[in-house]
Amino acid sequence: MFTAKKGRLAVMGVVAIGAMVALAGCSSSDPLKSGSTGTASAGTIAIGSQAYYSNTIVAEAYAQALENGGFKVDRKFNIGQRSVYLPELASGEIDLIPDYSGNLLQFYDANTTATSEADIEKALPSVLPKGLRVLASSAATDQDTYTVTKAFSDKYKVTSLSDLSKVTDPLTVGANAEFQTRPYGIPGLKSDYGVTASLKAIADSGGPLTVAALKDGTVQLADIYSADPSIKANDFVSLKDPKNMILPQNIIPVADSKVNSKAAGIIEKVNAALTQSKLIAANAESVNDKKSAAVIAKAFLKDAGIVK
């Protein structure tokens, strides 16, 4: 089962590099150009993932469950951000990817007024490109958070995004490059909370490089996902968001027509078994125990009774 889920200073440089490889699975090569080229082969479901270890675990669980159900799967993991993988979905380069509901909606509709998970799921079908659909979401969420060190929180008495307006020192946020333009990123801080901040782009989706930058003071705030065990491990403080600038981020699969009703049923069974506690436990197994996505996913699926 997901028994242990979304990090050490003297050797941080070595750890960060190793963790980026082992946990996020990032590669200098383009996963979409490895193996097959063009659209996925007939009868094979190409599954993508973000360059984020937690997302890869979920994608691997989808892959193993589909294989157990008799489907052929092509893994194209660690693709990157939405600006890369969503066009690949639309073109048929990949057929399925686990995404996060609120951010997915805001990617296509930056001015959405949806705030609840139900409203978000209701709005998504009308903004997705033709040929794409979302399947039933998981109860598990992995929200973007603005996270600070406890020392910063104590020094400036900051526990909420609204408190940042009291800080007179320059503020830098460590996050993926898309934070520069996303509604919940640098623009949202200004429009919703009146806070001016600059971005230091760190392309590991809140991973060990982002954690290291926050710990050593390179950045004052970091986008670290709410199910990341590094928050608790480092006694970080995730700032409250009283204006709900950051929408709910339930795990939600985006699929094309290659994912038929049988495949969709299998994926939705995986999602139904993926609770918040199991997601956090899975992330901890990856970060703390250095287990691979394949090992973590297999144990989860067996515990859920999806595979034997």
C-alpha atoms as a PDB file:
ATOM      1  CA  MET A   1       0.000   0.000   0.000  1.00  0.00           C
ATOM      2  CA  PHE A   2       1.041   3.621  -0.038  1.00  0.00           C
ATOM      3  CA  THR A   3       2.526   3.068   3.409  1.00  0.00           C
ATOM      4  CA  ALA A   4       4.712   5.976   3.952  1.00  0.00           C
ATOM      5  CA  LYS A   5       3.173  11.500   0.252  1.00  0.00           C
ATOM      6  CA  LYS A   6       4.035  15.814  -1.898  1.00  0.00           C
ATOM      7  CA  GLY A   7      14.514  18.109   1.551  1.00  0.00           C
ATOM      8  CA  ARG A   8      19.887  18.514   4.495  1.00  0.00           C
ATOM      9  CA  LEU A   9      22.657  21.142   4.143  1.00  0.00           C
ATOM     10  CA  ALA A  10      26.240  19.895   4.213  1.00  0.00           C
ATOM     11  CA  VAL A  11      25.577  17.707   1.195  1.00  0.00           C
ATOM     12  CA  MET A  12      22.577  19.533  -0.275  1.00  0.00           C
ATOM     13  CA  GLY A  13      24.166  19.996  -3.672  1.00  0.00           C
ATOM     14  CA  VAL A  14      24.684  16.270  -4.098  1.00  0.00           C
ATOM     15  CA  VAL A  15      21.310  15.361  -2.636  1.00  0.00           C
ATOM     16  CA  ALA A  16      19.446  17.850  -4.792  1.00  0.00           C
ATOM     17  CA  ILE A  17      20.999  16.563  -7.978  1.00  0.00           C
ATOM     18  CA  GLY A  18      20.456  12.941  -7.007  1.00  0.00           C
ATOM     19  CA  ALA A  19      16.906  13.576  -5.918  1.00  0.00           C
ATOM     20  CA  MET A  20      16.082  15.325  -9.145  1.00  0.00           C
ATOM     21  CA  VAL A  21      17.067  12.199 -11.009  1.00  0.00           C
ATOM     22  CA  ALA A  22      15.649   9.631  -8.610  1.00  0.00           C
ATOM     23  CA  LEU A  23      12.476  11.408  -7.558  1.00  0.00           C
ATOM     24  CA  ALA A  24      11.422  13.727 -10.345  1.00  0.00           C
ATOM     25  CA  GLY A  25      12.889  11.446 -12.964  1.00  0.00           C
ATOM     26  CA  CYS A  26      13.898  14.414 -15.071  1.00  0.00           C
ATOM     27  CA  SER A  27      15.933  13.790 -18.159  1.00  0.00           C
ATOM     28  CA  SER A  28      17.827  15.968 -20.561  1.00  0.00           C
ATOM     29  CA  SER A  29      16.209  14.058 -23.423  1.00  0.00           C
ATOM     30  CA  ASP A  30      12.678  14.715 -24.622  1.00  0.00           C
ATOM     31  CA  PRO A  31      10.481  11.785 -23.512  1.00  0.00           C
ATOM     32  CA  LEU A  32       8.147  12.485 -26.390  1.00  0.00           C
ATOM     33  CA  LYS A  33      10.952  11.738 -28.829  1.00  0.00           C
ATOM     34  CA  SER A  34      12.216   8.572 -27.199  1.00  0.00           C
ATOM     35  CA  GLY A  35      11.013   5.290 -28.628  1.00  0.00           C
ATOM     36  CA  SER A  36       8.059   5.873 -30.915  1.00  0.00           C
ATOM     37  CA  THR A  37       7.635   9.001 -32.979  1.00  0.00           C
ATOM     38  CA  GLY A  38       4.481  10.693 -34.160  1.00  0.00           C
ATOM     39  CA  THR A  39       1.168   9.735 -32.639  1.00  0.00           C
ATOM     40  CA  ALA A  40       0.874   6.713 -30.387  1.00  0.00           C
ATOM     41  CA  SER A  41       0.578   3.400 -32.215  1.00  0.00           C
ATOM     42  CA  ALA A  42      -2.847   1.893 -32.747  1.00  0.00           C
ATOM     43  CA  GLY A  43      -4.032  -0.117 -29.766  1.00  0.00           C
ATOM     44  CA  THR A  44      -1.442   1.403 -27.415  1.00  0.00           C
ATOM     45  CA  ILE A  45      -2.288   4.045 -24.834  1.00  0.00           C
ATOM     46  CA  ALA A  46       0.530   6.561 -24.423  1.00  0.00           C
ATOM     47  CA  ILE A  47       0.586   7.883 -20.864  1.00  0.00           C
ATOM     48  CA  GLY A  48       2.433  11.082 -19.998  1.00  0.00           C
ATOM     49  CA  SER A  49       3.376  12.682 -16.714  1.00  0.00           C
ATOM     50  CA  GLN A  50       4.652  16.017 -15.524  1.00  0.00           C
ATOM     51  CA  ALA A  51       8.298  16.312 -14.553  1.00  0.00           C
ATOM     52  CA  TYR A  52       7.213  15.894 -10.943  1.00  0.00           C
ATOM     53  CA  TYR A  53       7.785  12.708  -8.990  1.00  0.00           C
ATOM     54  CA  SER A  54       4.307  12.575  -7.437  1.00  0.00           C
ATOM     55  CA  ASN A  55       2.612  12.975 -10.806  1.00  0.00           C
ATOM     56  CA  THR A  56       4.810  10.209 -12.191  1.00  0.00           C
ATOM     57  CA  ILE A  57       3.708   7.875  -9.388  1.00  0.00           C
ATOM     58  CA  VAL A  58       0.063   8.448 -10.316  1.00  0.00           C
ATOM     59  CA  ALA A  59       0.788   8.006 -14.035  1.00  0.00           C
ATOM     60  CA  GLU A  60       2.620   4.759 -13.265  1.00  0.00           C
ATOM     61  CA  ALA A  61      -0.379   3.520 -11.271  1.00  0.00           C
ATOM     62  CA  TYR A  62      -2.596   4.228 -14.296  1.00  0.00           C
ATOM     63  CA  ALA A  63      -0.126   2.393 -16.542  1.00  0.00           C
ATOM     64  CA  GLN A  64       0.137  -0.723 -14.391  1.00  0.00           C
ATOM     65  CA  ALA A  65      -3.619  -0.908 -13.873  1.00  0.00           C
ATOM     66  CA  LEU A  66      -4.235  -0.621 -17.619  1.00  0.00           C
ATOM     67  CA  GLU A  67      -1.649  -3.298 -18.372  1.00  0.00           C
ATOM     68  CA  ASN A  68      -3.315  -5.540 -15.828  1.00  0.00           C
ATOM     69  CA  GLY A  69      -6.551  -4.929 -17.707  1.00  0.00           C
ATOM     70  CA  GLY A  70      -5.052  -6.111 -20.982  1.00  0.00           C
ATOM     71  CA  PHE A  71      -4.039  -2.784 -22.518  1.00  0.00           C
ATOM     72  CA  LYS A  72      -0.683  -2.023 -24.101  1.00  0.00           C
ATOM     73  CA  VAL A  73       0.918   1.067 -22.608  1.00  0.00           C
ATOM     74  CA  ASP A  74       3.667   3.424 -23.783  1.00  0.00           C
ATOM     75  CA  ARG A  75       5.145   5.438 -20.899  1.00  0.00           C
ATOM     76  CA  LYS A  76       6.185   8.977 -21.860  1.00  0.00           C
ATOM     77  CA  PHE A  77       6.869  10.376 -18.425  1.00  0.00           C
ATOM     78  CA  ASN A  78       8.536  13.573 -17.173  1.00  0.00           C
ATOM     79  CA  ILE A  79       7.389  15.723 -20.073  1.00  0.00           C
ATOM     80  CA  GLY A  80       7.327  19.083 -18.326  1.00  0.00           C
ATOM     81  CA  GLN A  81       4.654  21.731 -17.883  1.00  0.00           C
ATOM     82  CA  ARG A  82       1.182  22.203 -19.391  1.00  0.00           C
ATOM     83  CA  SER A  83       2.435  24.393 -22.223  1.00  0.00           C
ATOM     84  CA  VAL A  84       4.261  21.281 -23.474  1.00  0.00           C
ATOM     85  CA  TYR A  85       2.085  18.295 -22.633  1.00  0.00           C
ATOM     86  CA  LEU A  86      -1.394  19.681 -23.294  1.00  0.00           C
ATOM     87  CA  PRO A  87      -0.624  20.379 -26.978  1.00  0.00           C
ATOM     88  CA  GLU A  88       0.823  16.856 -27.166  1.00  0.00           C
ATOM     89  CA  LEU A  89      -2.457  15.501 -25.831  1.00  0.00           C
ATOM     90  CA  ALA A  90      -4.397  17.492 -28.394  1.00  0.00           C
ATOM     91  CA  SER A  91      -2.174  16.191 -31.207  1.00  0.00           C
ATOM     92  CA  GLY A  92      -2.344  12.534 -30.107  1.00  0.00           C
ATOM     93  CA  GLU A  93       1.312  12.293 -29.130  1.00  0.00           C
ATOM     94  CA  ILE A  94       0.074  11.165 -25.731  1.00  0.00           C
ATOM     95  CA  ASP A  95      -3.394   9.869 -24.856  1.00  0.00           C
ATOM     96  CA  LEU A  96      -3.635  10.273 -21.103  1.00  0.00           C
ATOM     97  CA  ILE A  97      -2.075  12.287 -18.298  1.00  0.00           C
ATOM     98  CA  PRO A  98      -2.965  12.932 -14.647  1.00  0.00           C
ATOM     99  CA  ASP A  99      -3.433  16.666 -14.090  1.00  0.00           C
ATOM    100  CA  TYR A 100      -4.710  18.946 -11.321  1.00  0.00           C
ATOM    101  CA  SER A 101      -8.212  20.316 -11.745  1.00  0.00           C
ATOM    102  CA  GLY A 102      -8.036  23.994 -10.798  1.00  0.00           C
ATOM    103  CA  ASN A 103      -4.745  24.700 -12.527  1.00  0.00           C
ATOM    104  CA  LEU A 104      -5.939  22.821 -15.602  1.00  0.00           C
ATOM    105  CA  LEU A 105      -9.030  25.012 -15.799  1.00  0.00           C
ATOM    106  CA  GLN A 106      -7.055  28.215 -15.285  1.00  0.00           C
ATOM    107  CA  PHE A 107      -4.628  27.205 -18.047  1.00  0.00           C
ATOM    108  CA  TYR A 108      -7.491  27.408 -20.533  1.00  0.00           C
ATOM    109  CA  ASP A 109      -9.586  30.052 -18.764  1.00  0.00           C
ATOM    110  CA  ALA A 110      -7.549  32.457 -16.664  1.00  0.00           C
ATOM    111  CA  ASN A 111     -10.687  34.421 -15.786  1.00  0.00           C
ATOM    112  CA  THR A 112     -12.776  31.512 -14.542  1.00  0.00           C
ATOM    113  CA  THR A 113     -15.112  32.244 -11.656  1.00  0.00           C
ATOM    114  CA  ALA A 114     -15.279  28.597 -10.569  1.00  0.00           C
ATOM    115  CA  THR A 115     -13.980  28.051  -7.044  1.00  0.00           C
ATOM    116  CA  SER A 116     -15.358  24.696  -5.886  1.00  0.00           C
ATOM    117  CA  GLU A 117     -14.229  21.311  -7.132  1.00  0.00           C
ATOM    118  CA  ALA A 118     -17.716  20.629  -8.496  1.00  0.00           C
ATOM    119  CA  ASP A 119     -17.798  23.924 -10.408  1.00  0.00           C
ATOM    120  CA  ILE A 120     -14.317  23.317 -11.776  1.00  0.00           C
ATOM    121  CA  GLU A 121     -15.202  19.873 -13.108  1.00  0.00           C
ATOM    122  CA  LYS A 122     -18.400  21.266 -14.598  1.00  0.00           C
ATOM    123  CA  ALA A 123     -16.462  24.020 -16.400  1.00  0.00           C
ATOM    124  CA  LEU A 124     -13.633  21.880 -17.780  1.00  0.00           C
ATOM    125  CA  PRO A 125     -15.448  20.154 -20.685  1.00  0.00           C
ATOM    126  CA  SER A 126     -16.300  23.483 -22.310  1.00  0.00           C
ATOM    127  CA  VAL A 127     -12.687  24.736 -22.339  1.00  0.00           C
ATOM    128  CA  LEU A 128     -10.787  21.595 -23.313  1.00  0.00           C
ATOM    129  CA  PRO A 129      -9.680  21.224 -26.942  1.00  0.00           C
ATOM    130  CA  LYS A 130     -11.868  19.113 -29.182  1.00  0.00           C
ATOM    131  CA  GLY A 131     -11.209  15.402 -28.696  1.00  0.00           C
ATOM    132  CA  LEU A 132     -10.110  15.683 -25.069  1.00  0.00           C
ATOM    133  CA  ARG A 133     -12.131  14.936 -21.964  1.00  0.00           C
ATOM    134  CA  VAL A 134     -11.601  14.623 -18.238  1.00  0.00           C
ATOM    135  CA  LEU A 135     -12.409  11.482 -16.295  1.00  0.00           C
ATOM    136  CA  ALA A 136     -13.672  11.363 -12.725  1.00  0.00           C
ATOM    137  CA  SER A 137     -11.253  13.077 -10.355  1.00  0.00           C
ATOM    138  CA  SER A 138      -9.641  11.702  -7.229  1.00  0.00           C
ATOM    139  CA  ALA A 139     -10.439  12.965  -3.742  1.00  0.00           C
ATOM    140  CA  ALA A 140      -6.679  13.461  -3.354  1.00  0.00           C
ATOM    141  CA  THR A 141      -5.357  16.973  -3.911  1.00  0.00           C
ATOM    142  CA  ASP A 142      -1.888  18.397  -4.374  1.00  0.00           C
ATOM    143  CA  GLN A 143      -2.289  22.160  -4.157  1.00  0.00           C
ATOM    144  CA  ASP A 144       0.214  24.851  -4.976  1.00  0.00           C
ATOM    145  CA  THR A 145       1.164  26.659  -1.786  1.00  0.00           C
ATOM    146  CA  TYR A 146       3.199  29.725  -0.950  1.00  0.00           C
ATOM    147  CA  THR A 147       5.489  28.283   1.692  1.00  0.00           C
ATOM    148  CA  VAL A 148       8.038  30.037   3.915  1.00  0.00           C
ATOM    149  CA  THR A 149      10.519  28.989   6.570  1.00  0.00           C
ATOM    150  CA  LYS A 150       9.392  29.141  10.185  1.00  0.00           C
ATOM    151  CA  ALA A 151      12.122  31.735  10.807  1.00  0.00           C
ATOM    152  CA  PHE A 152      10.625  34.006   8.125  1.00  0.00           C
ATOM    153  CA  SER A 153       7.107  33.458   9.446  1.00  0.00           C
ATOM    154  CA  ASP A 154       8.183  34.290  12.995  1.00  0.00           C
ATOM    155  CA  LYS A 155      10.320  37.306  12.031  1.00  0.00           C
ATOM    156  CA  TYR A 156       7.618  39.043   9.992  1.00  0.00           C
ATOM    157  CA  LYS A 157       4.579  37.504  11.752  1.00  0.00           C
ATOM    158  CA  VAL A 158       3.410  36.067   8.455  1.00  0.00           C
ATOM    159  CA  THR A 159       0.967  33.169   8.396  1.00  0.00           C
ATOM    160  CA  SER A 160      -1.248  34.292   5.514  1.00  0.00           C
ATOM    161  CA  LEU A 161      -0.731  35.701   2.033  1.00  0.00           C
ATOM    162  CA  SER A 162      -2.472  38.865   3.217  1.00  0.00           C
ATOM    163  CA  ASP A 163       0.275  39.311   5.842  1.00  0.00           C
ATOM    164  CA  LEU A 164       2.915  39.638   3.132  1.00  0.00           C
ATOM    165  CA  SER A 165       1.888  43.248   2.544  1.00  0.00           C
ATOM    166  CA  LYS A 166       3.584  44.062   5.869  1.00  0.00           C
ATOM    167  CA  VAL A 167       6.968  42.827   4.629  1.00  0.00           C
ATOM    168  CA  THR A 168       9.079  45.708   3.311  1.00  0.00           C
ATOM    169  CA  ASP A 169      12.074  43.638   2.199  1.00  0.00           C
ATOM    170  CA  PRO A 170      12.139  42.395  -1.435  1.00  0.00           C
ATOM    171  CA  LEU A 171      10.341  39.096  -1.966  1.00  0.00           C
ATOM    172  CA  THR A 172      11.394  36.378  -4.381  1.00  0.00           C
ATOM    173  CA  VAL A 173       9.321  33.305  -5.098  1.00  0.00           C
ATOM    174  CA  GLY A 174      10.935  30.014  -6.134  1.00  0.00           C
ATOM    175  CA  ALA A 175       8.669  28.166  -8.558  1.00  0.00           C
ATOM    176  CA  ASN A 176       8.332  26.789 -12.068  1.00  0.00           C
ATOM    177  CA  ALA A 177       8.623  29.360 -14.861  1.00  0.00           C
ATOM    178  CA  GLU A 178       4.860  29.343 -15.501  1.00  0.00           C
ATOM    179  CA  PHE A 179       4.412  31.073 -12.127  1.00  0.00           C
ATOM    180  CA  GLN A 180       5.387  34.312 -13.869  1.00  0.00           C
ATOM    181  CA  THR A 181       2.076  34.437 -15.715  1.00  0.00           C
ATOM    182  CA  ARG A 182      -0.336  32.058 -13.967  1.00  0.00           C
ATOM    183  CA  PRO A 183      -3.334  33.633 -12.144  1.00  0.00           C
ATOM    184  CA  TYR A 184      -2.225  32.120  -8.819  1.00  0.00           C
ATOM    185  CA  GLY A 185       1.404  33.159  -9.382  1.00  0.00           C
ATOM    186  CA  ILE A 186       3.155  36.526  -9.455  1.00  0.00           C
ATOM    187  CA  PRO A 187       0.168  38.342 -11.063  1.00  0.00           C
ATOM    188  CA  GLY A 188      -2.251  36.934  -8.485  1.00  0.00           C
ATOM    189  CA  LEU A 189      -0.086  38.008  -5.570  1.00  0.00           C
ATOM    190  CA  LYS A 190      -0.273  41.565  -6.910  1.00  0.00           C
ATOM    191  CA  SER A 191      -3.931  41.689  -7.929  1.00  0.00           C
ATOM    192  CA  ASP A 192      -5.394  39.724  -5.023  1.00  0.00           C
ATOM    193  CA  TYR A 193      -3.077  40.655  -2.174  1.00  0.00           C
ATOM    194  CA  GLY A 194      -1.263  43.808  -3.318  1.00  0.00           C
ATOM    195  CA  VAL A 195       2.093  42.060  -2.938  1.00  0.00           C
ATOM    196  CA  THR A 196       4.946  42.668  -5.365  1.00  0.00           C
ATOM    197  CA  ALA A 197       7.366  39.773  -5.810  1.00  0.00           C
ATOM    198  CA  SER A 198       9.880  38.562  -8.363  1.00  0.00           C
ATOM    199  CA  LEU A 199      10.248  35.015  -9.628  1.00  0.00           C
ATOM    200  CA  LYS A 200      13.275  32.762  -9.488  1.00  0.00           C
ATOM    201  CA  ALA A 201      12.444  30.015 -11.949  1.00  0.00           C
ATOM    202  CA  ILE A 202      13.324  26.585 -10.527  1.00  0.00           C
ATOM    203  CA  ALA A 203      12.204  23.762 -12.785  1.00  0.00           C
ATOM    204  CA  ASP A 204      11.633  20.952 -10.292  1.00  0.00           C
ATOM    205  CA  SER A 205       7.993  21.539  -9.335  1.00  0.00           C
ATOM    206  CA  GLY A 206       8.659  22.295  -5.681  1.00  0.00           C
ATOM    207  CA  GLY A 207      11.262  19.559  -5.392  1.00  0.00           C
ATOM    208  CA  PRO A 208      14.669  19.445  -3.685  1.00  0.00           C
ATOM    209  CA  LEU A 209      16.158  22.411  -5.564  1.00  0.00           C
ATOM    210  CA  THR A 210      13.201  24.574  -4.566  1.00  0.00           C
ATOM    211  CA  VAL A 211      13.412  23.348  -0.971  1.00  0.00           C
ATOM    212  CA  ALA A 212      17.151  24.099  -0.888  1.00  0.00           C
ATOM    213  CA  ALA A 213      16.608  27.635  -2.259  1.00  0.00           C
ATOM    214  CA  LEU A 214      14.041  28.308   0.474  1.00  0.00           C
ATOM    215  CA  LYS A 215      16.257  26.922   3.215  1.00  0.00           C
ATOM    216  CA  ASP A 216      19.362  28.873   2.175  1.00  0.00           C
ATOM    217  CA  GLY A 217      17.469  32.158   1.703  1.00  0.00           C
ATOM    218  CA  THR A 218      17.859  32.397  -2.070  1.00  0.00           C
ATOM    219  CA  VAL A 219      14.065  32.790  -2.124  1.00  0.00           C
ATOM    220  CA  GLN A 220      11.724  33.917   0.618  1.00  0.00           C
ATOM    221  CA  LEU A 221       8.692  32.029  -0.646  1.00  0.00           C
ATOM    222  CA  ALA A 222       8.435  28.751  -2.532  1.00  0.00           C
ATOM    223  CA  ASP A 223       5.705  26.978  -4.432  1.00  0.00           C
ATOM    224  CA  ILE A 224       5.722  23.589  -2.722  1.00  0.00           C
ATOM    225  CA  TYR A 225       2.786  21.276  -3.244  1.00  0.00           C
ATOM    226  CA  SER A 226       0.595  20.609  -0.246  1.00  0.00           C
ATOM    227  CA  ALA A 227       1.102  16.830  -0.255  1.00  0.00           C
ATOM    228  CA  ASP A 228       4.913  17.170  -0.212  1.00  0.00           C
ATOM    229  CA  PRO A 229       6.479  15.658   2.936  1.00  0.00           C
ATOM    230  CA  SER A 230       9.273  18.259   2.869  1.00  0.00           C
ATOM    231  CA  ILE A 231       6.889  20.823   4.397  1.00  0.00           C
ATOM    232  CA  LYS A 232       6.545  18.870   7.617  1.00  0.00           C
ATOM    233  CA  ALA A 233      10.111  17.564   7.549  1.00  0.00           C
ATOM    234  CA  ASN A 234      11.559  21.105   7.468  1.00  0.00           C
ATOM    235  CA  ASP A 235       8.955  22.741   9.734  1.00  0.00           C
ATOM    236  CA  PHE A 236       7.973  25.043   6.873  1.00  0.00           C
ATOM    237  CA  VAL A 237       4.848  27.213   7.047  1.00  0.00           C
ATOM    238  CA  SER A 238       2.401  27.128   4.144  1.00  0.00           C
ATOM    239  CA  LEU A 239       0.625  30.485   4.070  1.00  0.00           C
ATOM    240  CA  LYS A 240      -3.146  30.614   4.252  1.00  0.00           C
ATOM    241  CA  ASP A 241      -5.001  31.868   1.188  1.00  0.00           C
ATOM    242  CA  PRO A 242      -8.100  33.692   2.521  1.00  0.00           C
ATOM    243  CA  LYS A 243      -9.159  34.920  -0.931  1.00  0.00           C
ATOM    244  CA  ASN A 244      -8.969  31.419  -2.454  1.00  0.00           C
ATOM    245  CA  MET A 245      -6.596  32.596  -5.164  1.00  0.00           C
ATOM    246  CA  ILE A 246      -5.367  29.022  -5.530  1.00  0.00           C
ATOM    247  CA  LEU A 247      -8.176  26.788  -6.770  1.00  0.00           C
ATOM    248  CA  PRO A 248      -8.761  23.184  -5.602  1.00  0.00           C
ATOM    249  CA  GLN A 249      -6.244  20.851  -7.239  1.00  0.00           C
ATOM    250  CA  ASN A 250      -7.803  17.403  -7.253  1.00  0.00           C
ATOM    251  CA  ILE A 251      -5.971  14.851  -9.368  1.00  0.00           C
ATOM    252  CA  ILE A 252      -7.935  14.550 -12.610  1.00  0.00           C
ATOM    253  CA  PRO A 253      -7.069  12.482 -15.698  1.00  0.00           C
ATOM    254  CA  VAL A 254      -7.189  14.134 -19.121  1.00  0.00           C
ATOM    255  CA  ALA A 255      -7.752  11.661 -21.950  1.00  0.00           C
ATOM    256  CA  ASP A 256      -8.326  11.433 -25.682  1.00  0.00           C
ATOM    257  CA  SER A 257     -10.495   9.023 -27.643  1.00  0.00           C
ATOM    258  CA  LYS A 258      -7.903   6.218 -27.452  1.00  0.00           C
ATOM    259  CA  VAL A 259      -8.950   5.837 -23.828  1.00  0.00           C
ATOM    260  CA  ASN A 260     -12.153   3.857 -24.318  1.00  0.00           C
ATOM    261  CA  SER A 261     -14.847   3.165 -21.752  1.00  0.00           C
ATOM    262  CA  LYS A 262     -13.093   0.057 -20.408  1.00  0.00           C
ATOM    263  CA  ALA A 263      -9.801   1.921 -19.962  1.00  0.00           C
ATOM    264  CA  ALA A 264     -11.596   4.886 -18.409  1.00  0.00           C
ATOM    265  CA  GLY A 265     -13.265   2.566 -15.904  1.00  0.00           C
ATOM    266  CA  ILE A 266      -9.899   1.160 -14.851  1.00  0.00           C
ATOM    267  CA  ILE A 267      -8.385   4.621 -14.419  1.00  0.00           C
ATOM    268  CA  GLU A 268     -11.351   5.863 -12.441  1.00  0.00           C
ATOM    269  CA  LYS A 269     -11.072   2.835 -10.146  1.00  0.00           C
ATOM    270  CA  VAL A 270      -7.478   3.874  -9.427  1.00  0.00           C
ATOM    271  CA  ASN A 271      -8.621   7.425  -8.711  1.00  0.00           C
ATOM    272  CA  ALA A 272     -11.355   6.219  -6.383  1.00  0.00           C
ATOM    273  CA  ALA A 273      -8.773   4.345  -4.307  1.00  0.00           C
ATOM    274  CA  LEU A 274      -6.349   7.281  -4.179  1.00  0.00           C
ATOM    275  CA  THR A 275      -7.167   9.139  -0.981  1.00  0.00           C
ATOM    276  CA  GLN A 276      -5.310  12.164   0.356  1.00  0.00           C
ATOM    277  CA  SER A 277      -3.556  10.119   3.040  1.00  0.00           C
ATOM    278  CA  LYS A 278      -2.403   7.565   0.477  1.00  0.00           C
ATOM    279  CA  LEU A 279      -1.091  10.298  -1.808  1.00  0.00           C
ATOM    280  CA  ILE A 280       0.931  11.819   1.051  1.00  0.00           C
ATOM    281  CA  ALA A 281       2.191   8.377   2.008  1.00  0.00           C
ATOM    282  CA  ALA A 282       3.250   7.655  -1.569  1.00  0.00           C
ATOM    283  CA  ASN A 283       5.175  10.923  -1.775  1.00  0.00           C
ATOM    284  CA  ALA A 284       6.930  10.130   1.483  1.00  0.00           C
ATOM    285  CA  GLU A 285       7.950   6.711   0.182  1.00  0.00           C
ATOM    286  CA  SER A 286       9.502   8.423  -2.821  1.00  0.00           C
ATOM    287  CA  VAL A 287      11.182  11.300  -0.979  1.00  0.00           C
ATOM    288  CA  ASN A 288      12.172   9.582   2.264  1.00  0.00           C
ATOM    289  CA  ASP A 289      12.572   5.943   1.283  1.00  0.00           C
ATOM    290  CA  LYS A 290      13.829   6.556  -2.282  1.00  0.00           C
ATOM    291  CA  LYS A 291      11.460   3.979  -3.718  1.00  0.00           C
ATOM    292  CA  SER A 292      10.754   4.086  -7.434  1.00  0.00           C
ATOM    293  CA  ALA A 293       7.405   5.108  -8.892  1.00  0.00           C
ATOM    294  CA  ALA A 294       6.958   1.563 -10.216  1.00  0.00           C
ATOM    295  CA  VAL A 295       7.447  -0.023  -6.781  1.00  0.00           C
ATOM    296  CA  ILE A 296       5.177   2.475  -5.019  1.00  0.00           C
ATOM    297  CA  ALA A 297       2.438   2.180  -7.631  1.00  0.00           C
ATOM    298  CA  LYS A 298       2.500  -1.618  -7.616  1.00  0.00           C
ATOM    299  CA  ALA A 299       2.142  -1.800  -3.830  1.00  0.00           C
ATOM    300  CA  PHE A 300      -0.738   0.695  -3.891  1.00  0.00           C
ATOM    301  CA  LEU A 301      -2.605  -1.177  -6.619  1.00  0.00           C
ATOM    302  CA  LYS A 302      -2.209  -4.482  -4.804  1.00  0.00           C
ATOM    303  CA  ASP A 303      -3.406  -2.996  -1.529  1.00  0.00           C
ATOM    304  CA  ALA A 304      -6.424  -1.514  -3.330  1.00  0.00           C
ATOM    305  CA  GLY A 305      -7.241  -4.863  -4.893  1.00  0.00           C
ATOM    306  CA  ILE A 306      -6.835  -3.522  -8.411  1.00  0.00           C
ATOM    307  CA  VAL A 307      -4.002  -5.932  -9.264  1.00  0.00           C
ATOM    308  CA  LYS A 308      -2.914  -9.164  -7.625  1.00  0.00           C
END
